[in-house]
Amino acid sequence: MGSELSTSIGSHLRSVLKPTCDSTLAAMLLRPGPLLALTSAKFREEDDGGGEVEKVERVYIKTMHDWVVKPEQQEAMIKRWPPSSVYELDSDHSPFFSTPFLLFGMLVKAVACHAGCN
């Protein structure tokens, strides 16, 4: 089943990403991640020093054409652990491949805002 999932994700990426060289690079670099670690990560109050985790500013970049993490799932994540700022990027799930310059600009904007706010 793992190879079937990998194949379907790869074919989806190739159909979404342009040009062909980008989708080839994505297929070579993207590998299944540690899903269990990502889905089960939790902060325990006794481990975080009484709210230390909340002192770290977070931003969330919503990817507006994401088929992997749908908009309603992104909204639920934002609601569950609200970030300092939310930005919207006209991109698919992998903006580092499909819209790298837009992603870079948004990251620079987020850093400038949060560096200037402190």
PDB file of N, CA and C in Angstrom:
ATOM      1  N   MET A   1       0.817  -1.195   0.000  1.00  0.00           N
ATOM      2  CA  MET A   1       0.000   0.000   0.000  1.00  0.00           C
ATOM      3  C   MET A   1       0.856   1.251   0.000  1.00  0.00           C
ATOM      4  N   GLY A   2       2.006   1.237   0.683  1.00  0.00           N
ATOM      5  CA  GLY A   2       2.880   2.401   0.740  1.00  0.00           C
ATOM      6  C   GLY A   2       3.329   2.853  -0.632  1.00  0.00           C
ATOM      7  N   SER A   3       3.692   1.892  -1.490  1.00  0.00           N
ATOM      8  CA  SER A   3       4.141   2.275  -2.822  1.00  0.00           C
ATOM      9  C   SER A   3       2.987   2.804  -3.661  1.00  0.00           C
ATOM     10  N   GLU A   4       1.765   2.278  -3.444  1.00  0.00           N
ATOM     11  CA  GLU A   4       0.600   2.807  -4.157  1.00  0.00           C
ATOM     12  C   GLU A   4       0.341   4.247  -3.768  1.00  0.00           C
ATOM     13  N   LEU A   5       0.434   4.549  -2.457  1.00  0.00           N
ATOM     14  CA  LEU A   5       0.228   5.909  -1.975  1.00  0.00           C
ATOM     15  C   LEU A   5       1.302   6.829  -2.524  1.00  0.00           C
ATOM     16  N   SER A   6       2.543   6.384  -2.485  1.00  0.00           N
ATOM     17  CA  SER A   6       3.654   7.172  -3.005  1.00  0.00           C
ATOM     18  C   SER A   6       3.456   7.453  -4.491  1.00  0.00           C
ATOM     19  N   THR A   7       3.012   6.453  -5.238  1.00  0.00           N
ATOM     20  CA  THR A   7       2.773   6.625  -6.666  1.00  0.00           C
ATOM     21  C   THR A   7       1.650   7.618  -6.922  1.00  0.00           C
ATOM     22  N   SER A   8       0.564   7.529  -6.155  1.00  0.00           N
ATOM     23  CA  SER A   8      -0.557   8.446  -6.377  1.00  0.00           C
ATOM     24  C   SER A   8      -0.186   9.869  -5.996  1.00  0.00           C
ATOM     25  N   ILE A   9       0.586  10.053  -4.924  1.00  0.00           N
ATOM     26  CA  ILE A   9       1.036  11.391  -4.549  1.00  0.00           C
ATOM     27  C   ILE A   9       1.968  11.935  -5.616  1.00  0.00           C
ATOM     28  N   GLY A  10       2.871  11.097  -6.090  1.00  0.00           N
ATOM     29  CA  GLY A  10       3.803  11.529  -7.122  1.00  0.00           C
ATOM     30  C   GLY A  10       3.097  11.938  -8.400  1.00  0.00           C
ATOM     31  N   SER A  11       2.094  11.164  -8.814  1.00  0.00           N
ATOM     32  CA  SER A  11       1.380  11.523 -10.038  1.00  0.00           C
ATOM     33  C   SER A  11       0.568  12.787  -9.839  1.00  0.00           C
ATOM     34  N   HIS A  12       0.028  12.978  -8.626  1.00  0.00           N
ATOM     35  CA  HIS A  12      -0.700  14.219  -8.336  1.00  0.00           C
ATOM     36  C   HIS A  12       0.249  15.410  -8.401  1.00  0.00           C
ATOM     37  N   LEU A  13       1.422  15.278  -7.783  1.00  0.00           N
ATOM     38  CA  LEU A  13       2.397  16.362  -7.821  1.00  0.00           C
ATOM     39  C   LEU A  13       2.794  16.697  -9.249  1.00  0.00           C
ATOM     40  N   ARG A  14       3.027  15.677 -10.048  1.00  0.00           N
ATOM     41  CA  ARG A  14       3.427  15.928 -11.432  1.00  0.00           C
ATOM     42  C   ARG A  14       2.325  16.631 -12.213  1.00  0.00           C
ATOM     43  N   SER A  15       1.061  16.363 -11.873  1.00  0.00           N
ATOM     44  CA  SER A  15      -0.024  17.011 -12.600  1.00  0.00           C
ATOM     45  C   SER A  15      -0.239  18.444 -12.153  1.00  0.00           C
ATOM     46  N   VAL A  16       0.135  18.770 -10.919  1.00  0.00           N
ATOM     47  CA  VAL A  16      -0.083  20.108 -10.380  1.00  0.00           C
ATOM     48  C   VAL A  16       1.101  21.015 -10.651  1.00  0.00           C
ATOM     49  N   LEU A  17       2.302  20.503 -10.520  1.00  0.00           N
ATOM     50  CA  LEU A  17       3.489  21.324 -10.632  1.00  0.00           C
ATOM     51  C   LEU A  17       3.882  21.537 -12.090  1.00  0.00           C
ATOM     52  N   LYS A  18       4.356  22.722 -12.384  1.00  0.00           N
ATOM     53  CA  LYS A  18       4.835  23.056 -13.708  1.00  0.00           C
ATOM     54  C   LYS A  18       6.163  23.756 -13.536  1.00  0.00           C
ATOM     55  N   PRO A  19       7.070  23.740 -14.421  1.00  0.00           N
ATOM     56  CA  PRO A  19       7.194  22.870 -15.577  1.00  0.00           C
ATOM     57  C   PRO A  19       7.624  21.457 -15.189  1.00  0.00           C
ATOM     58  N   THR A  20       7.838  20.647 -16.188  1.00  0.00           N
ATOM     59  CA  THR A  20       8.150  19.236 -15.972  1.00  0.00           C
ATOM     60  C   THR A  20       9.397  19.048 -15.115  1.00  0.00           C
ATOM     61  N   CYS A  21      10.401  19.898 -15.297  1.00  0.00           N
ATOM     62  CA  CYS A  21      11.634  19.729 -14.514  1.00  0.00           C
ATOM     63  C   CYS A  21      11.347  19.930 -13.027  1.00  0.00           C
ATOM     64  N   ASP A  22      10.400  20.816 -12.671  1.00  0.00           N
ATOM     65  CA  ASP A  22      10.040  21.009 -11.268  1.00  0.00           C
ATOM     66  C   ASP A  22       9.396  19.757 -10.696  1.00  0.00           C
ATOM     67  N   SER A  23       8.510  19.128 -11.463  1.00  0.00           N
ATOM     68  CA  SER A  23       7.857  17.931 -10.953  1.00  0.00           C
ATOM     69  C   SER A  23       8.843  16.766 -10.866  1.00  0.00           C
ATOM     70  N   THR A  24       9.825  16.724 -11.753  1.00  0.00           N
ATOM     71  CA  THR A  24      10.855  15.689 -11.677  1.00  0.00           C
ATOM     72  C   THR A  24      11.692  15.889 -10.419  1.00  0.00           C
ATOM     73  N   LEU A  25      12.078  17.128 -10.152  1.00  0.00           N
ATOM     74  CA  LEU A  25      12.840  17.431  -8.943  1.00  0.00           C
ATOM     75  C   LEU A  25      12.020  17.097  -7.694  1.00  0.00           C
ATOM     76  N   ALA A  26      10.748  17.460  -7.695  1.00  0.00           N
ATOM     77  CA  ALA A  26       9.883  17.158  -6.551  1.00  0.00           C
ATOM     78  C   ALA A  26       9.799  15.659  -6.314  1.00  0.00           C
ATOM     79  N   ALA A  27       9.637  14.888  -7.383  1.00  0.00           N
ATOM     80  CA  ALA A  27       9.541  13.429  -7.250  1.00  0.00           C
ATOM     81  C   ALA A  27      10.827  12.843  -6.665  1.00  0.00           C
ATOM     82  N   MET A  28      11.967  13.454  -6.982  1.00  0.00           N
ATOM     83  CA  MET A  28      13.237  12.950  -6.463  1.00  0.00           C
ATOM     84  C   MET A  28      13.449  13.351  -5.002  1.00  0.00           C
ATOM     85  N   LEU A  29      12.998  14.539  -4.619  1.00  0.00           N
ATOM     86  CA  LEU A  29      13.278  15.060  -3.283  1.00  0.00           C
ATOM     87  C   LEU A  29      12.221  14.725  -2.234  1.00  0.00           C
ATOM     88  N   LEU A  30      10.960  14.691  -2.638  1.00  0.00           N
ATOM     89  CA  LEU A  30       9.898  14.461  -1.669  1.00  0.00           C
ATOM     90  C   LEU A  30       9.769  12.983  -1.366  1.00  0.00           C
ATOM     91  N   ARG A  31       9.829  12.670  -0.123  1.00  0.00           N
ATOM     92  CA  ARG A  31       9.678  11.290   0.342  1.00  0.00           C
ATOM     93  C   ARG A  31       8.660  11.288   1.464  1.00  0.00           C
ATOM     94  N   PRO A  32       7.990  10.179   1.687  1.00  0.00           N
ATOM     95  CA  PRO A  32       7.039  10.126   2.803  1.00  0.00           C
ATOM     96  C   PRO A  32       7.739  10.484   4.108  1.00  0.00           C
ATOM     97  N   GLY A  33       7.056  11.306   4.902  1.00  0.00           N
ATOM     98  CA  GLY A  33       7.634  11.767   6.166  1.00  0.00           C
ATOM     99  C   GLY A  33       7.183  10.913   7.334  1.00  0.00           C
ATOM    100  N   PRO A  34       7.661  11.257   8.511  1.00  0.00           N
ATOM    101  CA  PRO A  34       7.291  10.518   9.724  1.00  0.00           C
ATOM    102  C   PRO A  34       5.889  10.920  10.174  1.00  0.00           C
ATOM    103  N   LEU A  35       4.886  10.350   9.535  1.00  0.00           N
ATOM    104  CA  LEU A  35       3.503  10.732   9.783  1.00  0.00           C
ATOM    105  C   LEU A  35       3.111  10.579  11.248  1.00  0.00           C
ATOM    106  N   LEU A  36       3.527   9.504  11.882  1.00  0.00           N
ATOM    107  CA  LEU A  36       3.180   9.300  13.290  1.00  0.00           C
ATOM    108  C   LEU A  36       3.737  10.422  14.159  1.00  0.00           C
ATOM    109  N   ALA A  37       4.963  10.832  13.912  1.00  0.00           N
ATOM    110  CA  ALA A  37       5.570  11.914  14.692  1.00  0.00           C
ATOM    111  C   ALA A  37       4.805  13.220  14.502  1.00  0.00           C
ATOM    112  N   LEU A  38       4.387  13.491  13.272  1.00  0.00           N
ATOM    113  CA  LEU A  38       3.667  14.731  12.999  1.00  0.00           C
ATOM    114  C   LEU A  38       2.260  14.725  13.582  1.00  0.00           C
ATOM    115  N   THR A  39       1.612  13.587  13.560  1.00  0.00           N
ATOM    116  CA  THR A  39       0.226  13.529  14.029  1.00  0.00           C
ATOM    117  C   THR A  39       0.105  13.345  15.528  1.00  0.00           C
ATOM    118  N   SER A  40       1.168  12.917  16.181  1.00  0.00           N
ATOM    119  CA  SER A  40       1.061  12.666  17.614  1.00  0.00           C
ATOM    120  C   SER A  40       1.887  13.627  18.464  1.00  0.00           C
ATOM    121  N   ALA A  41       2.524  14.634  17.849  1.00  0.00           N
ATOM    122  CA  ALA A  41       3.328  15.589  18.610  1.00  0.00           C
ATOM    123  C   ALA A  41       2.422  16.397  19.530  1.00  0.00           C
ATOM    124  N   LYS A  42       2.821  16.507  20.789  1.00  0.00           N
ATOM    125  CA  LYS A  42       2.042  17.244  21.779  1.00  0.00           C
ATOM    126  C   LYS A  42       2.995  17.951  22.727  1.00  0.00           C
ATOM    127  N   PHE A  43       2.559  19.095  23.232  1.00  0.00           N
ATOM    128  CA  PHE A  43       3.279  19.791  24.278  1.00  0.00           C
ATOM    129  C   PHE A  43       2.556  19.523  25.581  1.00  0.00           C
ATOM    130  N   ARG A  44       3.291  19.061  26.556  1.00  0.00           N
ATOM    131  CA  ARG A  44       2.693  18.845  27.869  1.00  0.00           C
ATOM    132  C   ARG A  44       2.981  20.061  28.731  1.00  0.00           C
ATOM    133  N   GLU A  45       1.968  20.551  29.441  1.00  0.00           N
ATOM    134  CA  GLU A  45       2.135  21.765  30.227  1.00  0.00           C
ATOM    135  C   GLU A  45       3.267  21.652  31.231  1.00  0.00           C
ATOM    136  N   GLU A  46       3.418  20.496  31.851  1.00  0.00           N
ATOM    137  CA  GLU A  46       4.475  20.361  32.847  1.00  0.00           C
ATOM    138  C   GLU A  46       5.860  20.385  32.208  1.00  0.00           C
ATOM    139  N   ASP A  47       5.948  20.094  30.906  1.00  0.00           N
ATOM    140  CA  ASP A  47       7.236  20.074  30.221  1.00  0.00           C
ATOM    141  C   ASP A  47       7.608  21.420  29.619  1.00  0.00           C
ATOM    142  N   ASP A  48       6.634  22.307  29.444  1.00  0.00           N
ATOM    143  CA  ASP A  48       6.946  23.552  28.730  1.00  0.00           C
ATOM    144  C   ASP A  48       7.262  24.727  29.649  1.00  0.00           C
ATOM    145  N   GLY A  49       7.472  24.482  30.929  1.00  0.00           N
ATOM    146  CA  GLY A  49       7.876  25.559  31.826  1.00  0.00           C
ATOM    147  C   GLY A  49       6.770  26.548  32.114  1.00  0.00           C
ATOM    148  N   GLY A  50       5.540  26.105  32.082  1.00  0.00           N
ATOM    149  CA  GLY A  50       4.428  26.992  32.406  1.00  0.00           C
ATOM    150  C   GLY A  50       4.121  28.016  31.341  1.00  0.00           C
ATOM    151  N   GLY A  51       3.989  27.614  30.117  1.00  0.00           N
ATOM    152  CA  GLY A  51       3.595  28.527  29.048  1.00  0.00           C
ATOM    153  C   GLY A  51       4.739  28.992  28.164  1.00  0.00           C
ATOM    154  N   GLU A  52       5.905  28.397  28.292  1.00  0.00           N
ATOM    155  CA  GLU A  52       7.051  28.794  27.469  1.00  0.00           C
ATOM    156  C   GLU A  52       6.769  28.600  25.986  1.00  0.00           C
ATOM    157  N   VAL A  53       6.011  27.578  25.644  1.00  0.00           N
ATOM    158  CA  VAL A  53       5.697  27.291  24.236  1.00  0.00           C
ATOM    159  C   VAL A  53       4.946  28.465  23.614  1.00  0.00           C
ATOM    160  N   GLU A  54       4.081  29.091  24.367  1.00  0.00           N
ATOM    161  CA  GLU A  54       3.281  30.199  23.841  1.00  0.00           C
ATOM    162  C   GLU A  54       4.104  31.458  23.597  1.00  0.00           C
ATOM    163  N   LYS A  55       5.305  31.545  24.136  1.00  0.00           N
ATOM    164  CA  LYS A  55       6.155  32.717  23.929  1.00  0.00           C
ATOM    165  C   LYS A  55       6.783  32.738  22.543  1.00  0.00           C
ATOM    166  N   VAL A  56       6.796  31.601  21.863  1.00  0.00           N
ATOM    167  CA  VAL A  56       7.365  31.526  20.519  1.00  0.00           C
ATOM    168  C   VAL A  56       6.310  31.993  19.523  1.00  0.00           C
ATOM    169  N   GLU A  57       6.620  33.086  18.815  1.00  0.00           N
ATOM    170  CA  GLU A  57       5.667  33.576  17.818  1.00  0.00           C
ATOM    171  C   GLU A  57       5.603  32.619  16.639  1.00  0.00           C
ATOM    172  N   ARG A  58       4.386  32.410  16.160  1.00  0.00           N
ATOM    173  CA  ARG A  58       4.174  31.523  15.020  1.00  0.00           C
ATOM    174  C   ARG A  58       3.412  32.274  13.946  1.00  0.00           C
ATOM    175  N   VAL A  59       3.691  31.950  12.718  1.00  0.00           N
ATOM    176  CA  VAL A  59       2.879  32.431  11.605  1.00  0.00           C
ATOM    177  C   VAL A  59       2.391  31.201  10.855  1.00  0.00           C
ATOM    178  N   TYR A  60       1.269  31.348  10.195  1.00  0.00           N
ATOM    179  CA  TYR A  60       0.726  30.258   9.395  1.00  0.00           C
ATOM    180  C   TYR A  60       0.547  30.781   7.982  1.00  0.00           C
ATOM    181  N   ILE A  61       1.036  30.043   7.018  1.00  0.00           N
ATOM    182  CA  ILE A  61       0.846  30.395   5.612  1.00  0.00           C
ATOM    183  C   ILE A  61      -0.147  29.413   5.020  1.00  0.00           C
ATOM    184  N   LYS A  62      -1.335  29.918   4.734  1.00  0.00           N
ATOM    185  CA  LYS A  62      -2.376  29.093   4.118  1.00  0.00           C
ATOM    186  C   LYS A  62      -2.070  28.963   2.635  1.00  0.00           C
ATOM    187  N   THR A  63      -2.081  27.742   2.155  1.00  0.00           N
ATOM    188  CA  THR A  63      -1.895  27.488   0.732  1.00  0.00           C
ATOM    189  C   THR A  63      -3.282  27.277   0.132  1.00  0.00           C
ATOM    190  N   MET A  64      -3.681  28.222  -0.700  1.00  0.00           N
ATOM    191  CA  MET A  64      -5.071  28.328  -1.133  1.00  0.00           C
ATOM    192  C   MET A  64      -5.521  27.253  -2.127  1.00  0.00           C
ATOM    193  N   HIS A  65      -4.596  26.570  -2.778  1.00  0.00           N
ATOM    194  CA  HIS A  65      -4.965  25.529  -3.749  1.00  0.00           C
ATOM    195  C   HIS A  65      -4.424  24.172  -3.305  1.00  0.00           C
ATOM    196  N   ASP A  66      -4.387  23.967  -2.014  1.00  0.00           N
ATOM    197  CA  ASP A  66      -3.822  22.754  -1.432  1.00  0.00           C
ATOM    198  C   ASP A  66      -4.853  21.631  -1.489  1.00  0.00           C
ATOM    199  N   TRP A  67      -4.473  20.498  -2.088  1.00  0.00           N
ATOM    200  CA  TRP A  67      -5.353  19.328  -2.126  1.00  0.00           C
ATOM    201  C   TRP A  67      -4.990  18.336  -1.038  1.00  0.00           C
ATOM    202  N   VAL A  68      -3.862  18.564  -0.364  1.00  0.00           N
ATOM    203  CA  VAL A  68      -3.420  17.654   0.690  1.00  0.00           C
ATOM    204  C   VAL A  68      -4.012  18.072   2.027  1.00  0.00           C
ATOM    205  N   VAL A  69      -3.844  19.347   2.378  1.00  0.00           N
ATOM    206  CA  VAL A  69      -4.445  19.906   3.590  1.00  0.00           C
ATOM    207  C   VAL A  69      -5.470  20.929   3.111  1.00  0.00           C
ATOM    208  N   LYS A  70      -6.708  20.516   3.088  1.00  0.00           N
ATOM    209  CA  LYS A  70      -7.785  21.331   2.525  1.00  0.00           C
ATOM    210  C   LYS A  70      -8.009  22.602   3.358  1.00  0.00           C
ATOM    211  N   PRO A  71      -8.605  23.645   2.762  1.00  0.00           N
ATOM    212  CA  PRO A  71      -8.809  24.909   3.479  1.00  0.00           C
ATOM    213  C   PRO A  71      -9.497  24.756   4.835  1.00  0.00           C
ATOM    214  N   GLU A  72     -10.497  23.899   4.918  1.00  0.00           N
ATOM    215  CA  GLU A  72     -11.183  23.725   6.214  1.00  0.00           C
ATOM    216  C   GLU A  72     -10.270  23.067   7.247  1.00  0.00           C
ATOM    217  N   GLN A  73      -9.361  22.205   6.802  1.00  0.00           N
ATOM    218  CA  GLN A  73      -8.393  21.605   7.722  1.00  0.00           C
ATOM    219  C   GLN A  73      -7.377  22.652   8.181  1.00  0.00           C
ATOM    220  N   GLN A  74      -6.966  23.517   7.262  1.00  0.00           N
ATOM    221  CA  GLN A  74      -6.052  24.587   7.636  1.00  0.00           C
ATOM    222  C   GLN A  74      -6.713  25.526   8.646  1.00  0.00           C
ATOM    223  N   GLU A  75      -7.973  25.862   8.414  1.00  0.00           N
ATOM    224  CA  GLU A  75      -8.697  26.720   9.357  1.00  0.00           C
ATOM    225  C   GLU A  75      -8.801  26.073  10.733  1.00  0.00           C
ATOM    226  N   ALA A  76      -9.037  24.774  10.766  1.00  0.00           N
ATOM    227  CA  ALA A  76      -9.130  24.058  12.044  1.00  0.00           C
ATOM    228  C   ALA A  76      -7.794  24.102  12.784  1.00  0.00           C
ATOM    229  N   MET A  77      -6.684  23.950  12.057  1.00  0.00           N
ATOM    230  CA  MET A  77      -5.365  24.030  12.696  1.00  0.00           C
ATOM    231  C   MET A  77      -5.115  25.425  13.250  1.00  0.00           C
ATOM    232  N   ILE A  78      -5.511  26.436  12.500  1.00  0.00           N
ATOM    233  CA  ILE A  78      -5.334  27.820  12.942  1.00  0.00           C
ATOM    234  C   ILE A  78      -6.169  28.086  14.197  1.00  0.00           C
ATOM    235  N   LYS A  79      -7.384  27.589  14.188  1.00  0.00           N
ATOM    236  CA  LYS A  79      -8.279  27.794  15.334  1.00  0.00           C
ATOM    237  C   LYS A  79      -7.771  27.046  16.575  1.00  0.00           C
ATOM    238  N   ARG A  80      -7.240  25.854  16.367  1.00  0.00           N
ATOM    239  CA  ARG A  80      -6.796  25.029  17.498  1.00  0.00           C
ATOM    240  C   ARG A  80      -5.572  25.616  18.203  1.00  0.00           C
ATOM    241  N   TRP A  81      -4.654  26.195  17.456  1.00  0.00           N
ATOM    242  CA  TRP A  81      -3.459  26.793  18.044  1.00  0.00           C
ATOM    243  C   TRP A  81      -3.165  28.086  17.281  1.00  0.00           C
ATOM    244  N   PRO A  82      -3.854  29.176  17.646  1.00  0.00           N
ATOM    245  CA  PRO A  82      -3.786  30.417  16.874  1.00  0.00           C
ATOM    246  C   PRO A  82      -2.361  30.975  16.757  1.00  0.00           C
ATOM    247  N   PRO A  83      -1.948  31.268  15.526  1.00  0.00           N
ATOM    248  CA  PRO A  83      -0.644  31.888  15.307  1.00  0.00           C
ATOM    249  C   PRO A  83      -0.731  33.401  15.510  1.00  0.00           C
ATOM    250  N   SER A  84       0.421  34.054  15.492  1.00  0.00           N
ATOM    251  CA  SER A  84       0.453  35.517  15.595  1.00  0.00           C
ATOM    252  C   SER A  84      -0.141  36.159  14.344  1.00  0.00           C
ATOM    253  N   SER A  85       0.127  35.569  13.193  1.00  0.00           N
ATOM    254  CA  SER A  85      -0.349  36.086  11.911  1.00  0.00           C
ATOM    255  C   SER A  85      -0.679  34.938  10.984  1.00  0.00           C
ATOM    256  N   VAL A  86      -1.607  35.210  10.072  1.00  0.00           N
ATOM    257  CA  VAL A  86      -1.967  34.241   9.037  1.00  0.00           C
ATOM    258  C   VAL A  86      -1.792  34.939   7.690  1.00  0.00           C
ATOM    259  N   TYR A  87      -1.068  34.296   6.807  1.00  0.00           N
ATOM    260  CA  TYR A  87      -0.858  34.801   5.451  1.00  0.00           C
ATOM    261  C   TYR A  87      -1.485  33.808   4.471  1.00  0.00           C
ATOM    262  N   GLU A  88      -1.905  34.320   3.330  1.00  0.00           N
ATOM    263  CA  GLU A  88      -2.472  33.458   2.290  1.00  0.00           C
ATOM    264  C   GLU A  88      -1.560  33.478   1.078  1.00  0.00           C
ATOM    265  N   LEU A  89      -1.273  32.295   0.564  1.00  0.00           N
ATOM    266  CA  LEU A  89      -0.408  32.157  -0.593  1.00  0.00           C
ATOM    267  C   LEU A  89      -1.178  31.441  -1.699  1.00  0.00           C
ATOM    268  N   ASP A  90      -1.181  32.025  -2.874  1.00  0.00           N
ATOM    269  CA  ASP A  90      -1.875  31.443  -4.023  1.00  0.00           C
ATOM    270  C   ASP A  90      -1.014  30.308  -4.570  1.00  0.00           C
ATOM    271  N   SER A  91      -1.078  29.162  -3.865  1.00  0.00           N
ATOM    272  CA  SER A  91      -0.177  28.054  -4.155  1.00  0.00           C
ATOM    273  C   SER A  91      -0.846  26.727  -3.838  1.00  0.00           C
ATOM    274  N   ASP A  92      -0.175  25.665  -4.278  1.00  0.00           N
ATOM    275  CA  ASP A  92      -0.603  24.317  -3.909  1.00  0.00           C
ATOM    276  C   ASP A  92       0.087  23.929  -2.595  1.00  0.00           C
ATOM    277  N   HIS A  93       0.137  22.656  -2.291  1.00  0.00           N
ATOM    278  CA  HIS A  93       0.698  22.169  -1.034  1.00  0.00           C
ATOM    279  C   HIS A  93       2.215  22.357  -0.935  1.00  0.00           C
ATOM    280  N   SER A  94       2.884  22.486  -2.045  1.00  0.00           N
ATOM    281  CA  SER A  94       4.349  22.579  -2.050  1.00  0.00           C
ATOM    282  C   SER A  94       4.813  23.883  -2.689  1.00  0.00           C
ATOM    283  N   PRO A  95       4.607  25.012  -2.007  1.00  0.00           N
ATOM    284  CA  PRO A  95       4.972  26.292  -2.619  1.00  0.00           C
ATOM    285  C   PRO A  95       6.466  26.453  -2.862  1.00  0.00           C
ATOM    286  N   PHE A  96       7.285  25.678  -2.155  1.00  0.00           N
ATOM    287  CA  PHE A  96       8.725  25.754  -2.376  1.00  0.00           C
ATOM    288  C   PHE A  96       9.085  25.233  -3.749  1.00  0.00           C
ATOM    289  N   PHE A  97       8.196  24.459  -4.383  1.00  0.00           N
ATOM    290  CA  PHE A  97       8.401  24.010  -5.762  1.00  0.00           C
ATOM    291  C   PHE A  97       7.561  24.829  -6.739  1.00  0.00           C
ATOM    292  N   SER A  98       6.290  25.033  -6.434  1.00  0.00           N
ATOM    293  CA  SER A  98       5.389  25.638  -7.414  1.00  0.00           C
ATOM    294  C   SER A  98       5.452  27.159  -7.457  1.00  0.00           C
ATOM    295  N   THR A  99       5.689  27.816  -6.318  1.00  0.00           N
ATOM    296  CA  THR A  99       5.759  29.281  -6.285  1.00  0.00           C
ATOM    297  C   THR A  99       6.878  29.739  -5.337  1.00  0.00           C
ATOM    298  N   PRO A 100       8.115  29.344  -5.606  1.00  0.00           N
ATOM    299  CA  PRO A 100       9.189  29.649  -4.659  1.00  0.00           C
ATOM    300  C   PRO A 100       9.420  31.144  -4.435  1.00  0.00           C
ATOM    301  N   PHE A 101       9.257  31.969  -5.457  1.00  0.00           N
ATOM    302  CA  PHE A 101       9.499  33.400  -5.289  1.00  0.00           C
ATOM    303  C   PHE A 101       8.393  34.046  -4.464  1.00  0.00           C
ATOM    304  N   LEU A 102       7.159  33.607  -4.673  1.00  0.00           N
ATOM    305  CA  LEU A 102       6.063  34.123  -3.838  1.00  0.00           C
ATOM    306  C   LEU A 102       6.244  33.694  -2.381  1.00  0.00           C
ATOM    307  N   LEU A 103       6.641  32.451  -2.175  1.00  0.00           N
ATOM    308  CA  LEU A 103       6.883  31.961  -0.817  1.00  0.00           C
ATOM    309  C   LEU A 103       8.011  32.755  -0.167  1.00  0.00           C
ATOM    310  N   PHE A 104       9.095  32.968  -0.882  1.00  0.00           N
ATOM    311  CA  PHE A 104      10.214  33.731  -0.343  1.00  0.00           C
ATOM    312  C   PHE A 104       9.765  35.132   0.062  1.00  0.00           C
ATOM    313  N   GLY A 105       9.007  35.784  -0.816  1.00  0.00           N
ATOM    314  CA  GLY A 105       8.509  37.129  -0.506  1.00  0.00           C
ATOM    315  C   GLY A 105       7.634  37.142   0.732  1.00  0.00           C
ATOM    316  N   MET A 106       6.793  36.131   0.870  1.00  0.00           N
ATOM    317  CA  MET A 106       5.913  36.057   2.032  1.00  0.00           C
ATOM    318  C   MET A 106       6.708  35.804   3.310  1.00  0.00           C
ATOM    319  N   LEU A 107       7.722  34.958   3.239  1.00  0.00           N
ATOM    320  CA  LEU A 107       8.571  34.696   4.409  1.00  0.00           C
ATOM    321  C   LEU A 107       9.323  35.963   4.818  1.00  0.00           C
ATOM    322  N   VAL A 108       9.825  36.701   3.843  1.00  0.00           N
ATOM    323  CA  VAL A 108      10.508  37.962   4.143  1.00  0.00           C
ATOM    324  C   VAL A 108       9.533  38.941   4.796  1.00  0.00           C
ATOM    325  N   LYS A 109       8.328  39.012   4.275  1.00  0.00           N
ATOM    326  CA  LYS A 109       7.309  39.892   4.843  1.00  0.00           C
ATOM    327  C   LYS A 109       6.991  39.496   6.295  1.00  0.00           C
ATOM    328  N   ALA A 110       6.841  38.219   6.542  1.00  0.00           N
ATOM    329  CA  ALA A 110       6.528  37.741   7.897  1.00  0.00           C
ATOM    330  C   ALA A 110       7.666  38.043   8.858  1.00  0.00           C
ATOM    331  N   VAL A 111       8.898  37.824   8.425  1.00  0.00           N
ATOM    332  CA  VAL A 111      10.051  38.110   9.281  1.00  0.00           C
ATOM    333  C   VAL A 111      10.142  39.604   9.563  1.00  0.00           C
ATOM    334  N   ALA A 112       9.956  40.426   8.533  1.00  0.00           N
ATOM    335  CA  ALA A 112      10.049  41.875   8.709  1.00  0.00           C
ATOM    336  C   ALA A 112       8.979  42.376   9.677  1.00  0.00           C
ATOM    337  N   CYS A 113       7.794  41.843   9.561  1.00  0.00           N
ATOM    338  CA  CYS A 113       6.701  42.261  10.442  1.00  0.00           C
ATOM    339  C   CYS A 113       7.000  41.861  11.887  1.00  0.00           C
ATOM    340  N   HIS A 114       7.418  40.632  12.081  1.00  0.00           N
ATOM    341  CA  HIS A 114       7.613  40.149  13.452  1.00  0.00           C
ATOM    342  C   HIS A 114       8.915  40.637  14.056  1.00  0.00           C
ATOM    343  N   ALA A 115       9.914  40.911  13.240  1.00  0.00           N
ATOM    344  CA  ALA A 115      11.158  41.485  13.770  1.00  0.00           C
ATOM    345  C   ALA A 115      10.922  42.943  14.160  1.00  0.00           C
ATOM    346  N   GLY A 116      10.102  43.633  13.373  1.00  0.00           N
ATOM    347  CA  GLY A 116       9.801  45.032  13.657  1.00  0.00           C
ATOM    348  C   GLY A 116       8.808  45.213  14.789  1.00  0.00           C
ATOM    349  N   CYS A 117       8.029  44.184  15.078  1.00  0.00           N
ATOM    350  CA  CYS A 117       6.998  44.267  16.117  1.00  0.00           C
ATOM    351  C   CYS A 117       7.580  44.078  17.513  1.00  0.00           C
ATOM    352  N   ASN A 118       8.787  43.532  17.614  1.00  0.00           N
ATOM    353  CA  ASN A 118       9.366  43.248  18.952  1.00  0.00           C
ATOM    354  C   ASN A 118      10.204  44.381  19.436  1.00  0.00           C
TER     355      ASN A 118
END
